């Protein structure tokens, strides 16, 4: 049983290690996230692929990664988000309300969108998804930074 447990731990580390590295790079301010993320994710997938001898070991993980890269797969919804983004940038509708403008700098993003995002429902939903992802990234990064240091892990087994 102990041998099986450690094999599962190693399996998880081989999958998660490269993905945590992606999260660290994207969460930092050194690189522009969206212009950089696709290349970094491809590099992580290559690292995962190189860690396993059998494609079945990582096939499901790759499907999840590929689905996650498309936060909004529907082209019609993407167009609506784009139009609503223009409303936000131009401070139209509720976005132009003096309190909304003032609170951009003082309210937490999720609270701000809950208060002022109703005139752009598709953009609001997208932003909330992104905020959730960022929160998970931060929490995951804190967890892995605390308990796992990449240079201390030997994933060559």
C-alpha atoms as a PDB file:
ATOM      1  CA  UNK A   1       0.000   0.000   0.000  1.00  0.00           C
ATOM      2  CA  UNK A   2       2.817   2.413   0.801  1.00  0.00           C
ATOM      3  CA  UNK A   3       4.419   1.853  -2.604  1.00  0.00           C
ATOM      4  CA  UNK A   4       1.106   2.570  -4.346  1.00  0.00           C
ATOM      5  CA  UNK A   5       0.645   5.769  -2.330  1.00  0.00           C
ATOM      6  CA  UNK A   6       4.061   7.136  -3.333  1.00  0.00           C
ATOM      7  CA  UNK A   7       3.476   6.200  -6.973  1.00  0.00           C
ATOM      8  CA  UNK A   8       0.265   8.237  -6.874  1.00  0.00           C
ATOM      9  CA  UNK A   9       2.082  11.161  -5.254  1.00  0.00           C
ATOM     10  CA  UNK A  10       4.737  11.063  -7.968  1.00  0.00           C
ATOM     11  CA  UNK A  11       2.050  10.878 -10.648  1.00  0.00           C
ATOM     12  CA  UNK A  12       0.325  13.949  -9.197  1.00  0.00           C
ATOM     13  CA  UNK A  13       3.591  15.878  -8.998  1.00  0.00           C
ATOM     14  CA  UNK A  14       4.451  15.081 -12.608  1.00  0.00           C
ATOM     15  CA  UNK A  15       1.087  16.493 -13.692  1.00  0.00           C
ATOM     16  CA  UNK A  16       0.856  19.416 -11.314  1.00  0.00           C
ATOM     17  CA  UNK A  17       4.480  20.615 -11.246  1.00  0.00           C
ATOM     18  CA  UNK A  18       4.517  22.128 -14.767  1.00  0.00           C
ATOM     19  CA  UNK A  19       1.027  23.593 -14.261  1.00  0.00           C
ATOM     20  CA  UNK A  20       2.068  25.284 -11.024  1.00  0.00           C
ATOM     21  CA  UNK A  21       4.989  26.795 -12.908  1.00  0.00           C
ATOM     22  CA  UNK A  22       2.500  28.224 -15.442  1.00  0.00           C
ATOM     23  CA  UNK A  23       0.471  29.705 -12.591  1.00  0.00           C
ATOM     24  CA  UNK A  24       3.556  31.303 -11.072  1.00  0.00           C
ATOM     25  CA  UNK A  25       4.569  32.879 -14.368  1.00  0.00           C
ATOM     26  CA  UNK A  26       1.096  34.131 -15.225  1.00  0.00           C
ATOM     27  CA  UNK A  27       0.378  35.433 -11.719  1.00  0.00           C
ATOM     28  CA  UNK A  28       3.567  37.482 -11.712  1.00  0.00           C
ATOM     29  CA  UNK A  29       3.803  40.914 -13.222  1.00  0.00           C
ATOM     30  CA  UNK A  30       6.911  40.175 -15.274  1.00  0.00           C
ATOM     31  CA  UNK A  31       5.035  38.977 -18.368  1.00  0.00           C
ATOM     32  CA  UNK A  32       1.749  40.059 -19.951  1.00  0.00           C
ATOM     33  CA  UNK A  33      -0.561  37.188 -19.041  1.00  0.00           C
ATOM     34  CA  UNK A  34      -2.740  36.669 -22.115  1.00  0.00           C
ATOM     35  CA  UNK A  35      -0.041  37.250 -24.712  1.00  0.00           C
ATOM     36  CA  UNK A  36       2.227  34.807 -22.951  1.00  0.00           C
ATOM     37  CA  UNK A  37      -0.031  32.139 -21.490  1.00  0.00           C
ATOM     38  CA  UNK A  38      -0.614  29.985 -24.581  1.00  0.00           C
ATOM     39  CA  UNK A  39       3.115  29.479 -25.127  1.00  0.00           C
ATOM     40  CA  UNK A  40       3.701  28.726 -21.446  1.00  0.00           C
ATOM     41  CA  UNK A  41       0.826  26.229 -21.344  1.00  0.00           C
ATOM     42  CA  UNK A  42       2.237  24.494 -24.425  1.00  0.00           C
ATOM     43  CA  UNK A  43       5.616  24.256 -22.695  1.00  0.00           C
ATOM     44  CA  UNK A  44       3.927  22.814 -19.586  1.00  0.00           C
ATOM     45  CA  UNK A  45       2.128  20.234 -21.722  1.00  0.00           C
ATOM     46  CA  UNK A  46       5.455  19.264 -23.304  1.00  0.00           C
ATOM     47  CA  UNK A  47       7.004  18.876 -19.834  1.00  0.00           C
ATOM     48  CA  UNK A  48       4.087  16.702 -18.737  1.00  0.00           C
ATOM     49  CA  UNK A  49       4.322  14.642 -21.950  1.00  0.00           C
ATOM     50  CA  UNK A  50       8.055  14.136 -21.384  1.00  0.00           C
ATOM     51  CA  UNK A  51       7.419  12.932 -17.814  1.00  0.00           C
ATOM     52  CA  UNK A  52       5.308   9.971 -18.908  1.00  0.00           C
ATOM     53  CA  UNK A  53       5.948   7.068 -21.239  1.00  0.00           C
ATOM     54  CA  UNK A  54       2.251   6.359 -21.858  1.00  0.00           C
ATOM     55  CA  UNK A  55      -0.056   8.986 -23.405  1.00  0.00           C
ATOM     56  CA  UNK A  56      -3.049   7.533 -21.536  1.00  0.00           C
ATOM     57  CA  UNK A  57      -1.457   8.789 -18.294  1.00  0.00           C
ATOM     58  CA  UNK A  58      -1.939  12.441 -19.281  1.00  0.00           C
ATOM     59  CA  UNK A  59      -4.616  12.418 -22.013  1.00  0.00           C
ATOM     60  CA  UNK A  60      -7.463  13.416 -19.674  1.00  0.00           C
ATOM     61  CA  UNK A  61      -5.338  16.152 -18.129  1.00  0.00           C
ATOM     62  CA  UNK A  62      -4.637  17.601 -21.588  1.00  0.00           C
ATOM     63  CA  UNK A  63      -8.377  17.625 -22.351  1.00  0.00           C
ATOM     64  CA  UNK A  64      -9.032  19.548 -19.139  1.00  0.00           C
ATOM     65  CA  UNK A  65      -6.227  22.009 -19.921  1.00  0.00           C
ATOM     66  CA  UNK A  66      -7.515  22.574 -23.450  1.00  0.00           C
ATOM     67  CA  UNK A  67     -11.072  23.183 -22.198  1.00  0.00           C
ATOM     68  CA  UNK A  68      -9.812  25.572 -19.529  1.00  0.00           C
ATOM     69  CA  UNK A  69      -7.975  27.652 -22.096  1.00  0.00           C
ATOM     70  CA  UNK A  70     -11.340  28.573 -23.603  1.00  0.00           C
ATOM     71  CA  UNK A  71     -13.147  30.516 -20.908  1.00  0.00           C
ATOM     72  CA  UNK A  72     -15.721  31.610 -23.480  1.00  0.00           C
ATOM     73  CA  UNK A  73     -15.903  29.116 -26.359  1.00  0.00           C
ATOM     74  CA  UNK A  74     -19.095  30.569 -27.896  1.00  0.00           C
ATOM     75  CA  UNK A  75     -18.285  33.162 -30.598  1.00  0.00           C
ATOM     76  CA  UNK A  76     -21.610  34.962 -30.121  1.00  0.00           C
ATOM     77  CA  UNK A  77     -20.924  35.438 -26.402  1.00  0.00           C
ATOM     78  CA  UNK A  78     -17.377  36.608 -27.201  1.00  0.00           C
ATOM     79  CA  UNK A  79     -18.858  39.295 -29.463  1.00  0.00           C
ATOM     80  CA  UNK A  80     -21.233  40.412 -26.713  1.00  0.00           C
ATOM     81  CA  UNK A  81     -18.353  40.581 -24.225  1.00  0.00           C
ATOM     82  CA  UNK A  82     -16.356  42.668 -26.672  1.00  0.00           C
ATOM     83  CA  UNK A  83     -19.235  45.131 -27.117  1.00  0.00           C
ATOM     84  CA  UNK A  84     -19.798  45.297 -23.363  1.00  0.00           C
ATOM     85  CA  UNK A  85     -16.102  45.885 -22.815  1.00  0.00           C
ATOM     86  CA  UNK A  86     -16.427  49.003 -24.952  1.00  0.00           C
ATOM     87  CA  UNK A  87     -19.234  50.169 -22.622  1.00  0.00           C
ATOM     88  CA  UNK A  88     -16.911  49.660 -19.657  1.00  0.00           C
ATOM     89  CA  UNK A  89     -13.984  51.469 -21.296  1.00  0.00           C
ATOM     90  CA  UNK A  90     -16.205  54.376 -22.340  1.00  0.00           C
ATOM     91  CA  UNK A  91     -17.915  54.502 -18.930  1.00  0.00           C
ATOM     92  CA  UNK A  92     -21.400  54.045 -20.426  1.00  0.00           C
ATOM     93  CA  UNK A  93     -24.492  53.034 -18.461  1.00  0.00           C
ATOM     94  CA  UNK A  94     -23.820  52.158 -14.819  1.00  0.00           C
ATOM     95  CA  UNK A  95     -20.107  52.172 -15.591  1.00  0.00           C
ATOM     96  CA  UNK A  96     -20.315  55.966 -15.949  1.00  0.00           C
ATOM     97  CA  UNK A  97     -22.046  56.568 -12.632  1.00  0.00           C
ATOM     98  CA  UNK A  98     -19.802  58.731 -10.405  1.00  0.00           C
ATOM     99  CA  UNK A  99     -19.909  56.145  -7.585  1.00  0.00           C
ATOM    100  CA  UNK A 100     -18.926  53.367  -9.999  1.00  0.00           C
ATOM    101  CA  UNK A 101     -15.951  55.396 -11.188  1.00  0.00           C
ATOM    102  CA  UNK A 102     -14.970  56.290  -7.622  1.00  0.00           C
ATOM    103  CA  UNK A 103     -15.314  52.700  -6.393  1.00  0.00           C
ATOM    104  CA  UNK A 104     -13.118  51.280  -9.179  1.00  0.00           C
ATOM    105  CA  UNK A 105     -10.143  52.105  -6.986  1.00  0.00           C
ATOM    106  CA  UNK A 106     -11.612  51.319  -3.578  1.00  0.00           C
ATOM    107  CA  UNK A 107     -13.925  48.276  -3.849  1.00  0.00           C
ATOM    108  CA  UNK A 108     -12.808  44.698  -4.245  1.00  0.00           C
ATOM    109  CA  UNK A 109     -13.235  43.690  -7.914  1.00  0.00           C
ATOM    110  CA  UNK A 110     -15.934  41.069  -7.245  1.00  0.00           C
ATOM    111  CA  UNK A 111     -17.894  43.533  -5.108  1.00  0.00           C
ATOM    112  CA  UNK A 112     -17.534  46.258  -7.750  1.00  0.00           C
ATOM    113  CA  UNK A 113     -18.848  43.978 -10.503  1.00  0.00           C
ATOM    114  CA  UNK A 114     -21.712  42.830  -8.298  1.00  0.00           C
ATOM    115  CA  UNK A 115     -22.677  46.463  -7.733  1.00  0.00           C
ATOM    116  CA  UNK A 116     -22.123  47.993 -11.168  1.00  0.00           C
ATOM    117  CA  UNK A 117     -21.861  45.192 -13.738  1.00  0.00           C
ATOM    118  CA  UNK A 118     -25.537  44.582 -14.452  1.00  0.00           C
ATOM    119  CA  UNK A 119     -25.501  46.663 -17.652  1.00  0.00           C
ATOM    120  CA  UNK A 120     -22.925  44.206 -19.078  1.00  0.00           C
ATOM    121  CA  UNK A 121     -24.065  40.722 -17.975  1.00  0.00           C
ATOM    122  CA  UNK A 122     -21.770  38.743 -20.303  1.00  0.00           C
ATOM    123  CA  UNK A 123     -18.706  40.758 -19.364  1.00  0.00           C
ATOM    124  CA  UNK A 124     -19.661  40.523 -15.686  1.00  0.00           C
ATOM    125  CA  UNK A 125     -19.914  36.723 -15.878  1.00  0.00           C
ATOM    126  CA  UNK A 126     -16.570  36.520 -17.691  1.00  0.00           C
ATOM    127  CA  UNK A 127     -14.834  38.803 -15.192  1.00  0.00           C
ATOM    128  CA  UNK A 128     -16.192  36.793 -12.255  1.00  0.00           C
ATOM    129  CA  UNK A 129     -14.823  33.601 -13.862  1.00  0.00           C
ATOM    130  CA  UNK A 130     -11.421  35.222 -14.300  1.00  0.00           C
ATOM    131  CA  UNK A 131     -11.449  36.468 -10.703  1.00  0.00           C
ATOM    132  CA  UNK A 132     -12.230  32.954  -9.488  1.00  0.00           C
ATOM    133  CA  UNK A 133      -9.375  31.530 -11.558  1.00  0.00           C
ATOM    134  CA  UNK A 134      -6.999  34.164 -10.180  1.00  0.00           C
ATOM    135  CA  UNK A 135      -8.061  33.356  -6.630  1.00  0.00           C
ATOM    136  CA  UNK A 136      -7.454  29.647  -7.211  1.00  0.00           C
ATOM    137  CA  UNK A 137      -4.069  30.485  -8.758  1.00  0.00           C
ATOM    138  CA  UNK A 138      -3.095  32.521  -5.721  1.00  0.00           C
ATOM    139  CA  UNK A 139      -4.285  29.880  -3.265  1.00  0.00           C
ATOM    140  CA  UNK A 140      -2.618  27.072  -5.213  1.00  0.00           C
ATOM    141  CA  UNK A 141       0.591  29.057  -5.541  1.00  0.00           C
ATOM    142  CA  UNK A 142       0.662  29.749  -1.813  1.00  0.00           C
ATOM    143  CA  UNK A 143       0.076  26.065  -1.089  1.00  0.00           C
ATOM    144  CA  UNK A 144       2.808  24.864  -3.414  1.00  0.00           C
ATOM    145  CA  UNK A 145       5.260  27.595  -2.428  1.00  0.00           C
ATOM    146  CA  UNK A 146       4.779  26.607   1.206  1.00  0.00           C
ATOM    147  CA  UNK A 147       4.965  22.840   0.915  1.00  0.00           C
ATOM    148  CA  UNK A 148       6.842  22.049  -2.279  1.00  0.00           C
ATOM    149  CA  UNK A 149       9.991  23.540  -3.689  1.00  0.00           C
ATOM    150  CA  UNK A 150      10.595  22.514  -7.292  1.00  0.00           C
ATOM    151  CA  UNK A 151      14.343  22.025  -6.801  1.00  0.00           C
ATOM    152  CA  UNK A 152      13.664  19.559  -3.974  1.00  0.00           C
ATOM    153  CA  UNK A 153      11.519  17.215  -6.103  1.00  0.00           C
ATOM    154  CA  UNK A 154      13.085  14.448  -8.141  1.00  0.00           C
ATOM    155  CA  UNK A 155      10.560  13.567 -10.858  1.00  0.00           C
ATOM    156  CA  UNK A 156      12.859  11.274 -12.831  1.00  0.00           C
ATOM    157  CA  UNK A 157      11.244   8.043 -11.577  1.00  0.00           C
END
